[in-house]
């Protein structure tokens, strides 16, 4: 998202680091471009959670259980005709809203 960072990595890890950077940047830009979240730090948290969630799902693929249905009206509306990635994002946002209840809603 237009930021540069000086990063270190193992000797043979530059290609993997570049791939990781591209994935994080793409995830952050997707959230930013959706227009619902403006704060860079919250975009970073959501992108990190989305990427971590995908990793956890892949690691648990054989024993994967479906996510619970969202109870929040906003999340229900988002899941009615959304793509699977949008559904997962809406569910994660709902969970973040609940976790950050003292801070106000994420969106």
N, C-alpha and C. Protein backbone atom coordinates (compact mmCIF):
# COMPACT_ATOMS: atom_id res chain seq x y z
N UNK A 1 0.84 -1.20 0.00
CA UNK A 1 0.00 0.00 0.00
C UNK A 1 0.87 1.25 0.00
N UNK A 2 1.95 1.20 -0.76
CA UNK A 2 2.78 2.37 -0.91
C UNK A 2 3.82 2.58 0.17
N UNK A 3 4.00 1.61 1.05
CA UNK A 3 4.99 1.74 2.12
C UNK A 3 6.21 0.87 1.79
N UNK A 4 7.37 1.33 2.20
CA UNK A 4 8.60 0.55 2.02
C UNK A 4 9.17 0.22 3.38
N UNK A 5 9.71 -0.98 3.49
CA UNK A 5 10.31 -1.44 4.73
C UNK A 5 11.62 -2.14 4.41
N UNK A 6 12.58 -2.01 5.29
CA UNK A 6 13.83 -2.73 5.19
C UNK A 6 13.66 -4.01 6.01
N UNK A 7 13.73 -5.15 5.32
CA UNK A 7 13.47 -6.43 5.97
C UNK A 7 14.69 -7.32 5.88
N UNK A 8 14.86 -8.17 6.85
CA UNK A 8 15.91 -9.16 6.82
C UNK A 8 15.31 -10.53 6.60
N UNK A 9 16.11 -11.43 6.04
CA UNK A 9 15.64 -12.79 5.83
C UNK A 9 16.84 -13.72 5.77
N UNK A 10 16.62 -15.02 5.90
CA UNK A 10 17.72 -15.98 5.76
C UNK A 10 18.34 -15.88 4.37
N UNK A 11 19.57 -16.38 4.23
CA UNK A 11 20.30 -16.27 2.96
C UNK A 11 19.49 -16.70 1.75
N UNK A 12 18.85 -17.83 1.83
CA UNK A 12 18.10 -18.36 0.68
C UNK A 12 16.62 -18.05 0.76
N UNK A 13 16.23 -17.06 1.54
CA UNK A 13 14.83 -16.79 1.77
C UNK A 13 14.27 -15.59 1.03
N UNK A 14 15.05 -14.95 0.19
CA UNK A 14 14.58 -13.72 -0.45
C UNK A 14 13.35 -13.95 -1.33
N UNK A 15 13.34 -15.01 -2.09
CA UNK A 15 12.19 -15.28 -2.97
C UNK A 15 10.91 -15.50 -2.16
N UNK A 16 11.03 -16.26 -1.06
CA UNK A 16 9.87 -16.51 -0.22
C UNK A 16 9.42 -15.23 0.48
N UNK A 17 10.37 -14.41 0.90
CA UNK A 17 10.02 -13.15 1.54
C UNK A 17 9.29 -12.24 0.55
N UNK A 18 9.79 -12.16 -0.67
CA UNK A 18 9.12 -11.34 -1.69
C UNK A 18 7.70 -11.84 -1.95
N UNK A 19 7.53 -13.14 -1.99
CA UNK A 19 6.19 -13.71 -2.19
C UNK A 19 5.28 -13.35 -1.01
N UNK A 20 5.81 -13.45 0.20
CA UNK A 20 5.03 -13.08 1.39
C UNK A 20 4.64 -11.61 1.35
N UNK A 21 5.58 -10.76 0.96
CA UNK A 21 5.30 -9.32 0.86
C UNK A 21 4.20 -9.08 -0.16
N UNK A 22 4.27 -9.75 -1.29
CA UNK A 22 3.25 -9.58 -2.32
C UNK A 22 1.88 -10.03 -1.83
N UNK A 23 1.83 -11.13 -1.08
CA UNK A 23 0.55 -11.62 -0.56
C UNK A 23 -0.05 -10.64 0.45
N UNK A 24 0.80 -10.15 1.35
CA UNK A 24 0.31 -9.20 2.36
C UNK A 24 -0.16 -7.92 1.68
N UNK A 25 0.62 -7.42 0.74
CA UNK A 25 0.24 -6.20 0.03
C UNK A 25 -1.08 -6.39 -0.72
N UNK A 26 -1.21 -7.51 -1.40
CA UNK A 26 -2.46 -7.79 -2.14
C UNK A 26 -3.65 -7.87 -1.20
N UNK A 27 -3.47 -8.54 -0.05
CA UNK A 27 -4.56 -8.68 0.92
C UNK A 27 -4.96 -7.31 1.48
N UNK A 28 -3.96 -6.48 1.78
CA UNK A 28 -4.26 -5.15 2.31
C UNK A 28 -4.94 -4.27 1.26
N UNK A 29 -4.45 -4.33 0.03
CA UNK A 29 -5.06 -3.52 -1.03
C UNK A 29 -6.50 -3.94 -1.31
N UNK A 30 -6.77 -5.24 -1.22
CA UNK A 30 -8.14 -5.73 -1.44
C UNK A 30 -9.08 -5.16 -0.38
N UNK A 31 -8.64 -5.15 0.86
CA UNK A 31 -9.47 -4.60 1.95
C UNK A 31 -9.63 -3.10 1.76
N UNK A 32 -8.53 -2.41 1.47
CA UNK A 32 -8.59 -0.95 1.26
C UNK A 32 -9.53 -0.61 0.10
N UNK A 33 -9.41 -1.34 -1.00
CA UNK A 33 -10.21 -1.06 -2.18
C UNK A 33 -11.69 -1.35 -1.99
N UNK A 34 -12.01 -2.22 -1.02
CA UNK A 34 -13.41 -2.47 -0.71
C UNK A 34 -14.06 -1.23 -0.11
N UNK A 35 -13.25 -0.35 0.45
CA UNK A 35 -13.73 0.95 0.91
C UNK A 35 -14.39 0.98 2.27
N UNK A 36 -14.44 -0.13 2.98
CA UNK A 36 -15.15 -0.15 4.26
C UNK A 36 -14.23 0.19 5.43
N UNK A 37 -12.94 -0.05 5.28
CA UNK A 37 -11.98 0.21 6.35
C UNK A 37 -10.96 1.21 5.83
N UNK A 38 -10.73 2.26 6.59
CA UNK A 38 -9.81 3.32 6.15
C UNK A 38 -8.49 3.30 6.90
N UNK A 39 -8.49 2.94 8.17
CA UNK A 39 -7.29 3.01 8.99
C UNK A 39 -6.29 1.93 8.57
N UNK A 40 -5.08 2.36 8.28
CA UNK A 40 -4.03 1.45 7.81
C UNK A 40 -3.76 0.33 8.82
N UNK A 41 -3.76 0.64 10.11
CA UNK A 41 -3.48 -0.40 11.10
C UNK A 41 -4.58 -1.44 11.14
N UNK A 42 -5.81 -1.03 10.98
CA UNK A 42 -6.92 -2.00 10.96
C UNK A 42 -6.91 -2.83 9.68
N UNK A 43 -6.54 -2.21 8.59
CA UNK A 43 -6.39 -2.95 7.33
C UNK A 43 -5.32 -4.02 7.51
N UNK A 44 -4.22 -3.66 8.14
CA UNK A 44 -3.13 -4.61 8.37
C UNK A 44 -3.58 -5.77 9.25
N UNK A 45 -4.34 -5.46 10.30
CA UNK A 45 -4.83 -6.52 11.19
C UNK A 45 -5.77 -7.44 10.42
N UNK A 46 -6.70 -6.88 9.67
CA UNK A 46 -7.63 -7.72 8.91
C UNK A 46 -6.90 -8.58 7.89
N UNK A 47 -5.95 -7.99 7.18
CA UNK A 47 -5.18 -8.76 6.19
C UNK A 47 -4.42 -9.89 6.86
N UNK A 48 -3.80 -9.60 8.00
CA UNK A 48 -3.06 -10.63 8.73
C UNK A 48 -3.99 -11.75 9.18
N UNK A 49 -5.13 -11.38 9.70
CA UNK A 49 -6.09 -12.39 10.15
C UNK A 49 -6.61 -13.21 8.98
N UNK A 50 -6.88 -12.57 7.86
CA UNK A 50 -7.35 -13.31 6.68
C UNK A 50 -6.30 -14.32 6.23
N UNK A 51 -5.04 -13.89 6.16
CA UNK A 51 -3.97 -14.79 5.73
C UNK A 51 -3.76 -15.92 6.74
N UNK A 52 -3.79 -15.59 8.02
CA UNK A 52 -3.63 -16.62 9.06
C UNK A 52 -4.80 -17.59 9.03
N UNK A 53 -6.00 -17.08 8.84
CA UNK A 53 -7.19 -17.92 8.76
C UNK A 53 -7.07 -18.89 7.59
N UNK A 54 -6.64 -18.40 6.44
CA UNK A 54 -6.45 -19.28 5.28
C UNK A 54 -5.42 -20.37 5.59
N UNK A 55 -4.35 -20.00 6.26
CA UNK A 55 -3.31 -20.97 6.62
C UNK A 55 -3.86 -22.03 7.57
N UNK A 56 -4.60 -21.60 8.57
CA UNK A 56 -5.19 -22.54 9.53
C UNK A 56 -6.16 -23.48 8.81
N UNK A 57 -6.95 -22.94 7.91
CA UNK A 57 -7.89 -23.80 7.16
C UNK A 57 -7.15 -24.83 6.33
N UNK A 58 -6.07 -24.42 5.69
CA UNK A 58 -5.31 -25.37 4.87
C UNK A 58 -4.68 -26.46 5.74
N UNK A 59 -4.16 -26.06 6.90
CA UNK A 59 -3.52 -27.03 7.79
C UNK A 59 -4.54 -28.01 8.36
N UNK A 60 -5.77 -27.58 8.55
CA UNK A 60 -6.81 -28.41 9.14
C UNK A 60 -7.78 -28.95 8.10
N UNK A 61 -7.42 -28.94 6.86
CA UNK A 61 -8.33 -29.31 5.77
C UNK A 61 -9.04 -30.64 5.98
N UNK A 62 -8.37 -31.72 6.36
CA UNK A 62 -9.10 -32.99 6.52
C UNK A 62 -10.16 -32.95 7.60
N UNK A 63 -9.93 -32.17 8.65
CA UNK A 63 -10.87 -32.12 9.77
C UNK A 63 -11.61 -30.79 9.81
N UNK A 64 -11.68 -30.12 8.68
CA UNK A 64 -12.30 -28.79 8.66
C UNK A 64 -13.78 -28.88 8.96
N UNK A 65 -14.22 -28.01 9.83
CA UNK A 65 -15.64 -27.89 10.14
C UNK A 65 -16.12 -26.56 9.60
N UNK A 66 -17.38 -26.47 9.18
CA UNK A 66 -17.87 -25.20 8.66
C UNK A 66 -17.88 -24.14 9.74
N UNK A 67 -17.68 -22.89 9.32
CA UNK A 67 -17.74 -21.77 10.26
C UNK A 67 -19.17 -21.59 10.75
N UNK A 68 -19.34 -21.15 12.00
CA UNK A 68 -20.70 -20.91 12.48
C UNK A 68 -21.35 -19.79 11.69
N UNK A 69 -22.66 -19.89 11.57
CA UNK A 69 -23.40 -18.86 10.85
C UNK A 69 -23.31 -17.55 11.60
N UNK A 70 -23.11 -16.44 10.88
CA UNK A 70 -23.03 -15.15 11.55
C UNK A 70 -24.37 -14.75 12.13
N UNK A 71 -24.34 -14.13 13.31
CA UNK A 71 -25.58 -13.69 13.94
C UNK A 71 -25.81 -12.21 13.73
N UNK A 72 -24.79 -11.51 13.34
CA UNK A 72 -24.86 -10.07 13.12
C UNK A 72 -25.59 -9.79 11.80
N UNK A 73 -26.54 -8.86 11.80
CA UNK A 73 -27.32 -8.55 10.60
C UNK A 73 -26.43 -8.13 9.44
N UNK A 74 -25.42 -7.33 9.74
CA UNK A 74 -24.50 -6.85 8.70
C UNK A 74 -23.76 -8.02 8.07
N UNK A 75 -23.29 -8.98 8.88
CA UNK A 75 -22.59 -10.14 8.35
C UNK A 75 -23.54 -11.04 7.58
N UNK A 76 -24.79 -11.17 8.05
CA UNK A 76 -25.76 -11.98 7.34
C UNK A 76 -26.03 -11.39 5.96
N UNK A 77 -26.16 -10.08 5.89
CA UNK A 77 -26.39 -9.43 4.60
C UNK A 77 -25.19 -9.66 3.68
N UNK A 78 -24.00 -9.58 4.24
CA UNK A 78 -22.79 -9.74 3.44
C UNK A 78 -22.65 -11.16 2.91
N UNK A 79 -23.21 -12.14 3.62
CA UNK A 79 -23.05 -13.53 3.20
C UNK A 79 -24.16 -14.00 2.27
N UNK A 80 -25.21 -13.24 2.11
CA UNK A 80 -26.36 -13.72 1.35
C UNK A 80 -26.04 -14.01 -0.11
N UNK A 81 -25.25 -13.16 -0.75
CA UNK A 81 -24.94 -13.40 -2.15
C UNK A 81 -23.47 -13.09 -2.44
N UNK A 82 -22.62 -13.32 -1.46
CA UNK A 82 -21.21 -12.98 -1.59
C UNK A 82 -20.39 -14.21 -1.98
N UNK A 83 -19.20 -13.95 -2.48
CA UNK A 83 -18.24 -15.00 -2.80
C UNK A 83 -17.70 -15.58 -1.50
N UNK A 84 -17.17 -16.80 -1.53
CA UNK A 84 -16.65 -17.42 -0.30
C UNK A 84 -15.64 -16.56 0.45
N UNK A 85 -14.73 -15.88 -0.25
CA UNK A 85 -13.76 -15.01 0.42
C UNK A 85 -14.47 -13.86 1.12
N UNK A 86 -15.51 -13.32 0.52
CA UNK A 86 -16.26 -12.24 1.13
C UNK A 86 -17.01 -12.71 2.38
N UNK A 87 -17.49 -13.93 2.33
CA UNK A 87 -18.19 -14.51 3.48
C UNK A 87 -17.21 -14.65 4.64
N UNK A 88 -16.04 -15.21 4.36
CA UNK A 88 -15.03 -15.36 5.42
C UNK A 88 -14.61 -14.01 5.97
N UNK A 89 -14.45 -13.02 5.08
CA UNK A 89 -14.06 -11.69 5.54
C UNK A 89 -15.14 -11.09 6.44
N UNK A 90 -16.40 -11.26 6.06
CA UNK A 90 -17.49 -10.73 6.87
C UNK A 90 -17.53 -11.40 8.24
N UNK A 91 -17.27 -12.71 8.27
CA UNK A 91 -17.26 -13.43 9.54
C UNK A 91 -16.08 -12.98 10.41
N UNK A 92 -14.93 -12.77 9.79
CA UNK A 92 -13.78 -12.29 10.55
C UNK A 92 -14.01 -10.88 11.08
N UNK A 93 -14.61 -10.03 10.27
CA UNK A 93 -14.91 -8.67 10.73
C UNK A 93 -15.88 -8.72 11.91
N UNK A 94 -16.86 -9.60 11.83
CA UNK A 94 -17.81 -9.74 12.94
C UNK A 94 -17.08 -10.16 14.21
N UNK A 95 -16.18 -11.14 14.10
CA UNK A 95 -15.42 -11.59 15.26
C UNK A 95 -14.54 -10.48 15.81
N UNK A 96 -13.93 -9.71 14.91
CA UNK A 96 -13.11 -8.58 15.36
C UNK A 96 -13.96 -7.53 16.06
N UNK A 97 -15.12 -7.24 15.51
CA UNK A 97 -16.03 -6.29 16.15
C UNK A 97 -16.36 -6.73 17.56
N UNK A 98 -16.61 -8.02 17.74
CA UNK A 98 -16.93 -8.55 19.07
C UNK A 98 -15.73 -8.44 19.99
N UNK A 99 -14.55 -8.76 19.48
CA UNK A 99 -13.34 -8.72 20.30
C UNK A 99 -12.96 -7.30 20.67
N UNK A 100 -13.24 -6.36 19.79
CA UNK A 100 -12.87 -4.96 20.03
C UNK A 100 -14.06 -4.14 20.49
N UNK A 101 -15.03 -4.78 21.11
CA UNK A 101 -16.27 -4.10 21.50
C UNK A 101 -16.02 -2.83 22.29
N UNK A 102 -15.04 -2.82 23.14
CA UNK A 102 -14.73 -1.61 23.93
C UNK A 102 -14.18 -0.50 23.08
N UNK A 103 -13.64 -0.83 21.90
CA UNK A 103 -13.03 0.14 20.99
C UNK A 103 -14.04 0.64 19.95
N UNK A 104 -15.25 0.15 19.98
CA UNK A 104 -16.22 0.48 18.95
C UNK A 104 -16.14 -0.52 17.83
N UNK A 105 -17.06 -0.40 16.89
CA UNK A 105 -17.07 -1.34 15.78
C UNK A 105 -15.91 -1.11 14.84
N UNK A 106 -15.44 -2.19 14.23
CA UNK A 106 -14.33 -2.12 13.31
C UNK A 106 -14.72 -1.35 12.06
N UNK A 107 -15.94 -1.55 11.59
CA UNK A 107 -16.38 -0.85 10.38
C UNK A 107 -17.31 0.27 10.73
